[in-house]
């Protein structure tokens, strides 16, 4: 299926070097594939999040900060429950604040 193809692509891609890039790529893919913001293209299964966690740990990637994924936008139905699945795996999230470069004014 398409989610498996995306996963394989992301795992094998040399530009996916941290959990932020992986997560953002999945979110962008879900947004691109949705035809209606209230209907997800695919529902994210627990097995996908387990695989994401395995990739994170095997590559030494940091967990995702709770404030980064716990936003109203990322909770929309078009994301197929990705946020809620990640939030269930306490090892994938941290309460440390993130220091990514945000929009400039």
PDB file of N, CA and C in Angstrom:
ATOM      1  N   UNK A   1       0.832  -1.190   0.000  1.00  0.00           N
ATOM      2  CA  UNK A   1       0.000   0.000   0.000  1.00  0.00           C
ATOM      3  C   UNK A   1       0.874   1.250   0.000  1.00  0.00           C
ATOM      4  N   UNK A   2       0.232   2.405  -0.136  1.00  0.00           N
ATOM      5  CA  UNK A   2       0.959   3.667  -0.245  1.00  0.00           C
ATOM      6  C   UNK A   2       1.741   4.023   1.015  1.00  0.00           C
ATOM      7  N   UNK A   3       1.188   3.714   2.186  1.00  0.00           N
ATOM      8  CA  UNK A   3       1.875   4.031   3.438  1.00  0.00           C
ATOM      9  C   UNK A   3       3.157   3.213   3.568  1.00  0.00           C
ATOM     10  N   UNK A   4       3.114   1.980   3.149  1.00  0.00           N
ATOM     11  CA  UNK A   4       4.317   1.143   3.173  1.00  0.00           C
ATOM     12  C   UNK A   4       5.371   1.677   2.201  1.00  0.00           C
ATOM     13  N   UNK A   5       4.946   2.120   1.022  1.00  0.00           N
ATOM     14  CA  UNK A   5       5.884   2.691   0.050  1.00  0.00           C
ATOM     15  C   UNK A   5       6.527   3.961   0.605  1.00  0.00           C
ATOM     16  N   UNK A   6       5.717   4.804   1.246  1.00  0.00           N
ATOM     17  CA  UNK A   6       6.256   6.018   1.849  1.00  0.00           C
ATOM     18  C   UNK A   6       7.265   5.674   2.933  1.00  0.00           C
ATOM     19  N   UNK A   7       6.928   4.733   3.770  1.00  0.00           N
ATOM     20  CA  UNK A   7       7.816   4.314   4.853  1.00  0.00           C
ATOM     21  C   UNK A   7       9.142   3.823   4.311  1.00  0.00           C
ATOM     22  N   UNK A   8       9.090   2.975   3.318  1.00  0.00           N
ATOM     23  CA  UNK A   8      10.313   2.452   2.710  1.00  0.00           C
ATOM     24  C   UNK A   8      11.153   3.593   2.141  1.00  0.00           C
ATOM     25  N   UNK A   9      10.501   4.496   1.445  1.00  0.00           N
ATOM     26  CA  UNK A   9      11.204   5.642   0.876  1.00  0.00           C
ATOM     27  C   UNK A   9      11.892   6.464   1.961  1.00  0.00           C
ATOM     28  N   UNK A  10      11.167   6.774   3.029  1.00  0.00           N
ATOM     29  CA  UNK A  10      11.727   7.597   4.094  1.00  0.00           C
ATOM     30  C   UNK A  10      12.868   6.891   4.819  1.00  0.00           C
ATOM     31  N   UNK A  11      12.711   5.610   5.068  1.00  0.00           N
ATOM     32  CA  UNK A  11      13.751   4.848   5.761  1.00  0.00           C
ATOM     33  C   UNK A  11      15.023   4.776   4.923  1.00  0.00           C
ATOM     34  N   UNK A  12      14.872   4.647   3.612  1.00  0.00           N
ATOM     35  CA  UNK A  12      16.030   4.506   2.731  1.00  0.00           C
ATOM     36  C   UNK A  12      16.617   5.846   2.275  1.00  0.00           C
ATOM     37  N   UNK A  13      15.912   6.941   2.511  1.00  0.00           N
ATOM     38  CA  UNK A  13      16.363   8.239   2.030  1.00  0.00           C
ATOM     39  C   UNK A  13      17.501   8.800   2.886  1.00  0.00           C
ATOM     40  N   UNK A  14      18.580   9.234   2.248  1.00  0.00           N
ATOM     41  CA  UNK A  14      19.686   9.815   3.005  1.00  0.00           C
ATOM     42  C   UNK A  14      19.376  11.208   3.571  1.00  0.00           C
ATOM     43  N   UNK A  15      18.314  11.847   3.095  1.00  0.00           N
ATOM     44  CA  UNK A  15      17.991  13.176   3.614  1.00  0.00           C
ATOM     45  C   UNK A  15      17.117  13.134   4.867  1.00  0.00           C
ATOM     46  N   UNK A  16      16.583  11.975   5.188  1.00  0.00           N
ATOM     47  CA  UNK A  16      15.787  11.834   6.407  1.00  0.00           C
ATOM     48  C   UNK A  16      16.751  11.470   7.531  1.00  0.00           C
ATOM     49  N   UNK A  17      17.163  12.499   8.264  1.00  0.00           N
ATOM     50  CA  UNK A  17      18.228  12.323   9.251  1.00  0.00           C
ATOM     51  C   UNK A  17      17.783  12.540  10.693  1.00  0.00           C
ATOM     52  N   UNK A  18      16.503  12.790  10.906  1.00  0.00           N
ATOM     53  CA  UNK A  18      16.026  12.920  12.281  1.00  0.00           C
ATOM     54  C   UNK A  18      14.516  12.712  12.347  1.00  0.00           C
ATOM     55  N   UNK A  19      14.005  12.639  13.566  1.00  0.00           N
ATOM     56  CA  UNK A  19      12.585  12.352  13.759  1.00  0.00           C
ATOM     57  C   UNK A  19      11.690  13.480  13.246  1.00  0.00           C
ATOM     58  N   UNK A  20      12.163  14.722  13.294  1.00  0.00           N
ATOM     59  CA  UNK A  20      11.380  15.843  12.768  1.00  0.00           C
ATOM     60  C   UNK A  20      11.141  15.684  11.273  1.00  0.00           C
ATOM     61  N   UNK A  21      12.185  15.375  10.538  1.00  0.00           N
ATOM     62  CA  UNK A  21      12.063  15.241   9.084  1.00  0.00           C
ATOM     63  C   UNK A  21      11.119  14.094   8.740  1.00  0.00           C
ATOM     64  N   UNK A  22      11.272  12.974   9.418  1.00  0.00           N
ATOM     65  CA  UNK A  22      10.403  11.821   9.171  1.00  0.00           C
ATOM     66  C   UNK A  22       8.947  12.199   9.448  1.00  0.00           C
ATOM     67  N   UNK A  23       8.701  12.770  10.618  1.00  0.00           N
ATOM     68  CA  UNK A  23       7.345  13.153  11.021  1.00  0.00           C
ATOM     69  C   UNK A  23       6.756  14.179  10.052  1.00  0.00           C
ATOM     70  N   UNK A  24       7.508  15.219   9.735  1.00  0.00           N
ATOM     71  CA  UNK A  24       7.015  16.256   8.824  1.00  0.00           C
ATOM     72  C   UNK A  24       6.727  15.694   7.437  1.00  0.00           C
ATOM     73  N   UNK A  25       7.556  14.775   6.980  1.00  0.00           N
ATOM     74  CA  UNK A  25       7.329  14.166   5.664  1.00  0.00           C
ATOM     75  C   UNK A  25       6.033  13.375   5.654  1.00  0.00           C
ATOM     76  N   UNK A  26       5.768  12.651   6.714  1.00  0.00           N
ATOM     77  CA  UNK A  26       4.515  11.889   6.795  1.00  0.00           C
ATOM     78  C   UNK A  26       3.326  12.850   6.832  1.00  0.00           C
ATOM     79  N   UNK A  27       3.420  13.917   7.614  1.00  0.00           N
ATOM     80  CA  UNK A  27       2.330  14.901   7.682  1.00  0.00           C
ATOM     81  C   UNK A  27       2.084  15.544   6.323  1.00  0.00           C
ATOM     82  N   UNK A  28       3.140  15.914   5.633  1.00  0.00           N
ATOM     83  CA  UNK A  28       2.998  16.512   4.298  1.00  0.00           C
ATOM     84  C   UNK A  28       2.354  15.535   3.322  1.00  0.00           C
ATOM     85  N   UNK A  29       2.755  14.282   3.396  1.00  0.00           N
ATOM     86  CA  UNK A  29       2.189  13.252   2.528  1.00  0.00           C
ATOM     87  C   UNK A  29       0.703  13.089   2.800  1.00  0.00           C
ATOM     88  N   UNK A  30       0.320  13.036   4.083  1.00  0.00           N
ATOM     89  CA  UNK A  30      -1.091  12.893   4.436  1.00  0.00           C
ATOM     90  C   UNK A  30      -1.902  14.093   3.964  1.00  0.00           C
ATOM     91  N   UNK A  31      -1.345  15.283   4.117  1.00  0.00           N
ATOM     92  CA  UNK A  31      -2.024  16.493   3.667  1.00  0.00           C
ATOM     93  C   UNK A  31      -2.179  16.494   2.147  1.00  0.00           C
ATOM     94  N   UNK A  32      -1.142  16.102   1.455  1.00  0.00           N
ATOM     95  CA  UNK A  32      -1.177  16.067  -0.006  1.00  0.00           C
ATOM     96  C   UNK A  32      -2.203  15.055  -0.527  1.00  0.00           C
ATOM     97  N   UNK A  33      -2.335  13.936   0.156  1.00  0.00           N
ATOM     98  CA  UNK A  33      -3.221  12.863  -0.309  1.00  0.00           C
ATOM     99  C   UNK A  33      -4.685  13.081   0.050  1.00  0.00           C
ATOM    100  N   UNK A  34      -4.964  13.916   1.044  1.00  0.00           N
ATOM    101  CA  UNK A  34      -6.364  14.058   1.466  1.00  0.00           C
ATOM    102  C   UNK A  34      -7.149  14.871   0.442  1.00  0.00           C
ATOM    103  N   UNK A  35      -8.389  14.498   0.294  1.00  0.00           N
ATOM    104  CA  UNK A  35      -9.280  15.216  -0.620  1.00  0.00           C
ATOM    105  C   UNK A  35     -10.265  16.082   0.157  1.00  0.00           C
ATOM    106  N   UNK A  36     -10.347  15.816   1.450  1.00  0.00           N
ATOM    107  CA  UNK A  36     -11.269  16.522   2.322  1.00  0.00           C
ATOM    108  C   UNK A  36     -10.631  16.547   3.703  1.00  0.00           C
ATOM    109  N   UNK A  37     -10.549  17.717   4.335  1.00  0.00           N
ATOM    110  CA  UNK A  37      -9.855  17.800   5.621  1.00  0.00           C
ATOM    111  C   UNK A  37     -10.537  16.998   6.725  1.00  0.00           C
ATOM    112  N   UNK A  38     -11.774  16.580   6.497  1.00  0.00           N
ATOM    113  CA  UNK A  38     -12.483  15.785   7.500  1.00  0.00           C
ATOM    114  C   UNK A  38     -12.433  14.291   7.228  1.00  0.00           C
ATOM    115  N   UNK A  39     -11.758  13.906   6.152  1.00  0.00           N
ATOM    116  CA  UNK A  39     -11.658  12.497   5.795  1.00  0.00           C
ATOM    117  C   UNK A  39     -10.207  12.157   5.505  1.00  0.00           C
ATOM    118  N   UNK A  40      -9.579  11.351   6.362  1.00  0.00           N
ATOM    119  CA  UNK A  40      -8.174  11.015   6.113  1.00  0.00           C
ATOM    120  C   UNK A  40      -8.019  10.094   4.908  1.00  0.00           C
ATOM    121  N   UNK A  41      -6.916  10.251   4.211  1.00  0.00           N
ATOM    122  CA  UNK A  41      -6.576   9.365   3.104  1.00  0.00           C
ATOM    123  C   UNK A  41      -6.342   7.956   3.635  1.00  0.00           C
ATOM    124  N   UNK A  42      -5.713   7.882   4.795  1.00  0.00           N
ATOM    125  CA  UNK A  42      -5.420   6.610   5.433  1.00  0.00           C
ATOM    126  C   UNK A  42      -5.435   6.832   6.941  1.00  0.00           C
ATOM    127  N   UNK A  43      -5.843   5.825   7.677  1.00  0.00           N
ATOM    128  CA  UNK A  43      -5.763   5.865   9.128  1.00  0.00           C
ATOM    129  C   UNK A  43      -4.427   5.252   9.517  1.00  0.00           C
ATOM    130  N   UNK A  44      -3.679   5.956  10.348  1.00  0.00           N
ATOM    131  CA  UNK A  44      -2.348   5.496  10.733  1.00  0.00           C
ATOM    132  C   UNK A  44      -2.471   4.345  11.728  1.00  0.00           C
ATOM    133  N   UNK A  45      -1.961   3.171  11.366  1.00  0.00           N
ATOM    134  CA  UNK A  45      -2.046   2.031  12.279  1.00  0.00           C
ATOM    135  C   UNK A  45      -0.936   2.076  13.331  1.00  0.00           C
ATOM    136  N   UNK A  46      -1.166   1.387  14.416  1.00  0.00           N
ATOM    137  CA  UNK A  46      -0.179   1.297  15.491  1.00  0.00           C
ATOM    138  C   UNK A  46       1.136   0.700  14.986  1.00  0.00           C
ATOM    139  N   UNK A  47       1.049  -0.205  14.025  1.00  0.00           N
ATOM    140  CA  UNK A  47       2.263  -0.831  13.489  1.00  0.00           C
ATOM    141  C   UNK A  47       3.166   0.186  12.803  1.00  0.00           C
ATOM    142  N   UNK A  48       2.574   1.208  12.184  1.00  0.00           N
ATOM    143  CA  UNK A  48       3.375   2.258  11.555  1.00  0.00           C
ATOM    144  C   UNK A  48       4.162   3.030  12.604  1.00  0.00           C
ATOM    145  N   UNK A  49       3.499   3.377  13.691  1.00  0.00           N
ATOM    146  CA  UNK A  49       4.163   4.133  14.752  1.00  0.00           C
ATOM    147  C   UNK A  49       5.235   3.271  15.417  1.00  0.00           C
ATOM    148  N   UNK A  50       4.973   1.983  15.564  1.00  0.00           N
ATOM    149  CA  UNK A  50       5.996   1.072  16.108  1.00  0.00           C
ATOM    150  C   UNK A  50       7.225   1.060  15.209  1.00  0.00           C
ATOM    151  N   UNK A  51       7.009   1.026  13.899  1.00  0.00           N
ATOM    152  CA  UNK A  51       8.124   1.042  12.950  1.00  0.00           C
ATOM    153  C   UNK A  51       8.874   2.369  13.034  1.00  0.00           C
ATOM    154  N   UNK A  52       8.151   3.481  13.133  1.00  0.00           N
ATOM    155  CA  UNK A  52       8.755   4.800  13.271  1.00  0.00           C
ATOM    156  C   UNK A  52       9.630   4.821  14.530  1.00  0.00           C
ATOM    157  N   UNK A  53       9.122   4.283  15.627  1.00  0.00           N
ATOM    158  CA  UNK A  53       9.896   4.236  16.867  1.00  0.00           C
ATOM    159  C   UNK A  53      11.157   3.387  16.692  1.00  0.00           C
ATOM    160  N   UNK A  54      11.024   2.252  16.030  1.00  0.00           N
ATOM    161  CA  UNK A  54      12.195   1.393  15.786  1.00  0.00           C
ATOM    162  C   UNK A  54      13.266   2.130  14.982  1.00  0.00           C
ATOM    163  N   UNK A  55      12.838   2.887  13.974  1.00  0.00           N
ATOM    164  CA  UNK A  55      13.781   3.670  13.164  1.00  0.00           C
ATOM    165  C   UNK A  55      14.442   4.742  14.029  1.00  0.00           C
ATOM    166  N   UNK A  56      13.644   5.415  14.850  1.00  0.00           N
ATOM    167  CA  UNK A  56      14.180   6.455  15.732  1.00  0.00           C
ATOM    168  C   UNK A  56      15.269   5.893  16.641  1.00  0.00           C
ATOM    169  N   UNK A  57      14.974   4.773  17.275  1.00  0.00           N
ATOM    170  CA  UNK A  57      15.927   4.227  18.240  1.00  0.00           C
ATOM    171  C   UNK A  57      17.160   3.651  17.553  1.00  0.00           C
ATOM    172  N   UNK A  58      16.971   2.978  16.432  1.00  0.00           N
ATOM    173  CA  UNK A  58      18.120   2.369  15.759  1.00  0.00           C
ATOM    174  C   UNK A  58      19.074   3.429  15.193  1.00  0.00           C
ATOM    175  N   UNK A  59      18.541   4.596  14.886  1.00  0.00           N
ATOM    176  CA  UNK A  59      19.377   5.669  14.328  1.00  0.00           C
ATOM    177  C   UNK A  59      19.779   6.721  15.363  1.00  0.00           C
ATOM    178  N   UNK A  60      19.337   6.546  16.587  1.00  0.00           N
ATOM    179  CA  UNK A  60      19.706   7.482  17.646  1.00  0.00           C
ATOM    180  C   UNK A  60      19.016   8.832  17.548  1.00  0.00           C
ATOM    181  N   UNK A  61      17.857   8.868  16.914  1.00  0.00           N
ATOM    182  CA  UNK A  61      17.127  10.116  16.776  1.00  0.00           C
ATOM    183  C   UNK A  61      16.465  10.492  18.097  1.00  0.00           C
ATOM    184  N   UNK A  62      16.341  11.772  18.336  1.00  0.00           N
ATOM    185  CA  UNK A  62      15.682  12.271  19.537  1.00  0.00           C
ATOM    186  C   UNK A  62      14.170  12.114  19.419  1.00  0.00           C
ATOM    187  N   UNK A  63      13.510  11.962  20.570  1.00  0.00           N
ATOM    188  CA  UNK A  63      12.040  11.933  20.547  1.00  0.00           C
ATOM    189  C   UNK A  63      11.488  13.279  20.097  1.00  0.00           C
ATOM    190  N   UNK A  64      10.249  13.282  19.683  1.00  0.00           N
ATOM    191  CA  UNK A  64       9.588  14.517  19.255  1.00  0.00           C
ATOM    192  C   UNK A  64       9.064  15.264  20.478  1.00  0.00           C
ATOM    193  N   UNK A  65       9.325  16.554  20.564  1.00  0.00           N
ATOM    194  CA  UNK A  65       8.775  17.339  21.680  1.00  0.00           C
ATOM    195  C   UNK A  65       7.246  17.361  21.619  1.00  0.00           C
ATOM    196  N   UNK A  66       6.648  17.185  22.778  1.00  0.00           N
ATOM    197  CA  UNK A  66       5.179  17.167  22.871  1.00  0.00           C
ATOM    198  C   UNK A  66       4.585  18.432  22.239  1.00  0.00           C
ATOM    199  N   UNK A  67       5.183  19.597  22.509  1.00  0.00           N
ATOM    200  CA  UNK A  67       4.630  20.840  21.989  1.00  0.00           C
ATOM    201  C   UNK A  67       4.703  20.912  20.461  1.00  0.00           C
ATOM    202  N   UNK A  68       5.596  20.145  19.858  1.00  0.00           N
ATOM    203  CA  UNK A  68       5.734  20.146  18.402  1.00  0.00           C
ATOM    204  C   UNK A  68       4.604  19.378  17.724  1.00  0.00           C
ATOM    205  N   UNK A  69       4.213  18.261  18.325  1.00  0.00           N
ATOM    206  CA  UNK A  69       3.168  17.460  17.680  1.00  0.00           C
ATOM    207  C   UNK A  69       1.781  17.691  18.264  1.00  0.00           C
ATOM    208  N   UNK A  70       1.710  18.284  19.439  1.00  0.00           N
ATOM    209  CA  UNK A  70       0.427  18.469  20.104  1.00  0.00           C
ATOM    210  C   UNK A  70      -0.164  19.831  19.759  1.00  0.00           C
ATOM    211  N   UNK A  71      -0.422  20.031  18.491  1.00  0.00           N
ATOM    212  CA  UNK A  71      -1.024  21.279  18.034  1.00  0.00           C
ATOM    213  C   UNK A  71      -2.400  20.996  17.458  1.00  0.00           C
ATOM    214  N   UNK A  72      -3.223  22.000  17.433  1.00  0.00           N
ATOM    215  CA  UNK A  72      -4.571  21.830  16.896  1.00  0.00           C
ATOM    216  C   UNK A  72      -4.535  21.392  15.434  1.00  0.00           C
ATOM    217  N   UNK A  73      -3.618  21.959  14.681  1.00  0.00           N
ATOM    218  CA  UNK A  73      -3.509  21.622  13.257  1.00  0.00           C
ATOM    219  C   UNK A  73      -3.200  20.133  13.086  1.00  0.00           C
ATOM    220  N   UNK A  74      -2.253  19.622  13.847  1.00  0.00           N
ATOM    221  CA  UNK A  74      -1.843  18.220  13.693  1.00  0.00           C
ATOM    222  C   UNK A  74      -2.884  17.244  14.220  1.00  0.00           C
ATOM    223  N   UNK A  75      -3.937  17.749  14.856  1.00  0.00           N
ATOM    224  CA  UNK A  75      -4.984  16.900  15.393  1.00  0.00           C
ATOM    225  C   UNK A  75      -6.154  16.752  14.422  1.00  0.00           C
ATOM    226  N   UNK A  76      -6.086  17.398  13.291  1.00  0.00           N
ATOM    227  CA  UNK A  76      -7.186  17.328  12.324  1.00  0.00           C
ATOM    228  C   UNK A  76      -7.315  15.930  11.746  1.00  0.00           C
ATOM    229  N   UNK A  77      -8.519  15.606  11.344  1.00  0.00           N
ATOM    230  CA  UNK A  77      -8.820  14.263  10.853  1.00  0.00           C
ATOM    231  C   UNK A  77      -7.988  13.863   9.642  1.00  0.00           C
ATOM    232  N   UNK A  78      -7.584  14.838   8.841  1.00  0.00           N
ATOM    233  CA  UNK A  78      -6.831  14.517   7.623  1.00  0.00           C
ATOM    234  C   UNK A  78      -5.501  13.842   7.925  1.00  0.00           C
ATOM    235  N   UNK A  79      -5.011  13.942   9.164  1.00  0.00           N
ATOM    236  CA  UNK A  79      -3.743  13.320   9.530  1.00  0.00           C
ATOM    237  C   UNK A  79      -3.905  11.874  10.001  1.00  0.00           C
ATOM    238  N   UNK A  80      -5.104  11.356   9.932  1.00  0.00           N
ATOM    239  CA  UNK A  80      -5.339   9.937  10.148  1.00  0.00           C
ATOM    240  C   UNK A  80      -4.998   9.408  11.530  1.00  0.00           C
ATOM    241  N   UNK A  81      -4.961  10.276  12.522  1.00  0.00           N
ATOM    242  CA  UNK A  81      -4.667   9.837  13.878  1.00  0.00           C
ATOM    243  C   UNK A  81      -3.182   9.685  14.189  1.00  0.00           C
ATOM    244  N   UNK A  82      -2.330  10.244  13.344  1.00  0.00           N
ATOM    245  CA  UNK A  82      -0.884  10.130  13.546  1.00  0.00           C
ATOM    246  C   UNK A  82      -0.467  10.665  14.909  1.00  0.00           C
ATOM    247  N   UNK A  83      -0.941  11.851  15.245  1.00  0.00           N
ATOM    248  CA  UNK A  83      -0.562  12.459  16.523  1.00  0.00           C
ATOM    249  C   UNK A  83      -0.978  11.582  17.700  1.00  0.00           C
ATOM    250  N   UNK A  84      -2.212  11.119  17.709  1.00  0.00           N
ATOM    251  CA  UNK A  84      -2.687  10.319  18.844  1.00  0.00           C
ATOM    252  C   UNK A  84      -1.928   9.001  18.956  1.00  0.00           C
ATOM    253  N   UNK A  85      -1.570   8.416  17.819  1.00  0.00           N
ATOM    254  CA  UNK A  85      -0.793   7.172  17.855  1.00  0.00           C
ATOM    255  C   UNK A  85       0.599   7.420  18.452  1.00  0.00           C
ATOM    256  N   UNK A  86       1.228   8.523  18.067  1.00  0.00           N
ATOM    257  CA  UNK A  86       2.553   8.844  18.605  1.00  0.00           C
ATOM    258  C   UNK A  86       2.462   9.156  20.097  1.00  0.00           C
ATOM    259  N   UNK A  87       1.436   9.888  20.497  1.00  0.00           N
ATOM    260  CA  UNK A  87       1.287  10.264  21.899  1.00  0.00           C
ATOM    261  C   UNK A  87       1.100   9.035  22.798  1.00  0.00           C
ATOM    262  N   UNK A  88       0.629   7.939  22.245  1.00  0.00           N
ATOM    263  CA  UNK A  88       0.460   6.702  23.021  1.00  0.00           C
ATOM    264  C   UNK A  88       1.795   6.046  23.358  1.00  0.00           C
ATOM    265  N   UNK A  89       2.800   6.305  22.536  1.00  0.00           N
ATOM    266  CA  UNK A  89       4.130   5.735  22.780  1.00  0.00           C
ATOM    267  C   UNK A  89       4.966   6.787  23.511  1.00  0.00           C
ATOM    268  N   UNK A  90       5.001   6.695  24.798  1.00  0.00           N
ATOM    269  CA  UNK A  90       5.661   7.715  25.629  1.00  0.00           C
ATOM    270  C   UNK A  90       7.149   7.849  25.336  1.00  0.00           C
ATOM    271  N   UNK A  91       7.764   6.837  24.723  1.00  0.00           N
ATOM    272  CA  UNK A  91       9.179   6.904  24.377  1.00  0.00           C
ATOM    273  C   UNK A  91       9.441   7.745  23.133  1.00  0.00           C
ATOM    274  N   UNK A  92       8.383   8.067  22.390  1.00  0.00           N
ATOM    275  CA  UNK A  92       8.543   8.846  21.162  1.00  0.00           C
ATOM    276  C   UNK A  92       8.424  10.335  21.396  1.00  0.00           C
ATOM    277  N   UNK A  93       8.001  10.721  22.594  1.00  0.00           N
ATOM    278  CA  UNK A  93       7.803  12.141  22.873  1.00  0.00           C
ATOM    279  C   UNK A  93       8.610  12.563  24.090  1.00  0.00           C
ATOM    280  N   UNK A  94       8.889  13.842  24.155  1.00  0.00           N
ATOM    281  CA  UNK A  94       9.599  14.417  25.292  1.00  0.00           C
ATOM    282  C   UNK A  94       8.904  15.715  25.670  1.00  0.00           C
ATOM    283  N   UNK A  95       9.054  16.085  26.914  1.00  0.00           N
ATOM    284  CA  UNK A  95       8.500  17.362  27.362  1.00  0.00           C
ATOM    285  C   UNK A  95       9.507  18.491  27.236  1.00  0.00           C
ATOM    286  N   UNK A  96      10.702  18.174  26.749  1.00  0.00           N
ATOM    287  CA  UNK A  96      11.692  19.225  26.497  1.00  0.00           C
ATOM    288  C   UNK A  96      11.207  20.092  25.355  1.00  0.00           C
ATOM    289  N   UNK A  97      11.474  21.367  25.444  1.00  0.00           N
ATOM    290  CA  UNK A  97      11.073  22.264  24.367  1.00  0.00           C
ATOM    291  C   UNK A  97      12.015  22.096  23.192  1.00  0.00           C
ATOM    292  N   UNK A  98      11.489  22.306  22.028  1.00  0.00           N
ATOM    293  CA  UNK A  98      12.312  22.168  20.836  1.00  0.00           C
ATOM    294  C   UNK A  98      12.877  23.514  20.436  1.00  0.00           C
ATOM    295  N   UNK A  99      13.953  23.489  19.687  1.00  0.00           N
ATOM    296  CA  UNK A  99      14.602  24.733  19.286  1.00  0.00           C
ATOM    297  C   UNK A  99      14.780  24.808  17.773  1.00  0.00           C
ATOM    298  N   UNK A 100      13.795  24.290  17.073  1.00  0.00           N
ATOM    299  CA  UNK A 100      13.841  24.391  15.609  1.00  0.00           C
ATOM    300  C   UNK A 100      13.661  25.829  15.201  1.00  0.00           C
ATOM    301  N   UNK A 101      14.160  26.164  14.055  1.00  0.00           N
ATOM    302  CA  UNK A 101      14.001  27.506  13.518  1.00  0.00           C
ATOM    303  C   UNK A 101      12.546  27.666  13.081  1.00  0.00           C
ATOM    304  N   UNK A 102      11.912  28.668  13.592  1.00  0.00           N
ATOM    305  CA  UNK A 102      10.505  28.917  13.265  1.00  0.00           C
ATOM    306  C   UNK A 102      10.442  30.083  12.280  1.00  0.00           C
ATOM    307  N   UNK A 103       9.244  30.475  11.911  1.00  0.00           N
ATOM    308  CA  UNK A 103       9.051  31.563  10.947  1.00  0.00           C
ATOM    309  C   UNK A 103       9.694  32.847  11.441  1.00  0.00           C
ATOM    310  N   UNK A 104      10.271  33.559  10.537  1.00  0.00           N
ATOM    311  CA  UNK A 104      10.846  34.856  10.851  1.00  0.00           C
ATOM    312  C   UNK A 104       9.804  35.928  10.640  1.00  0.00           C
ATOM    313  N   UNK A 105       9.934  37.007  11.359  1.00  0.00           N
ATOM    314  CA  UNK A 105       8.964  38.114  11.223  1.00  0.00           C
ATOM    315  C   UNK A 105       9.485  39.119  10.234  1.00  0.00           C
TER     316      UNK A 105
END
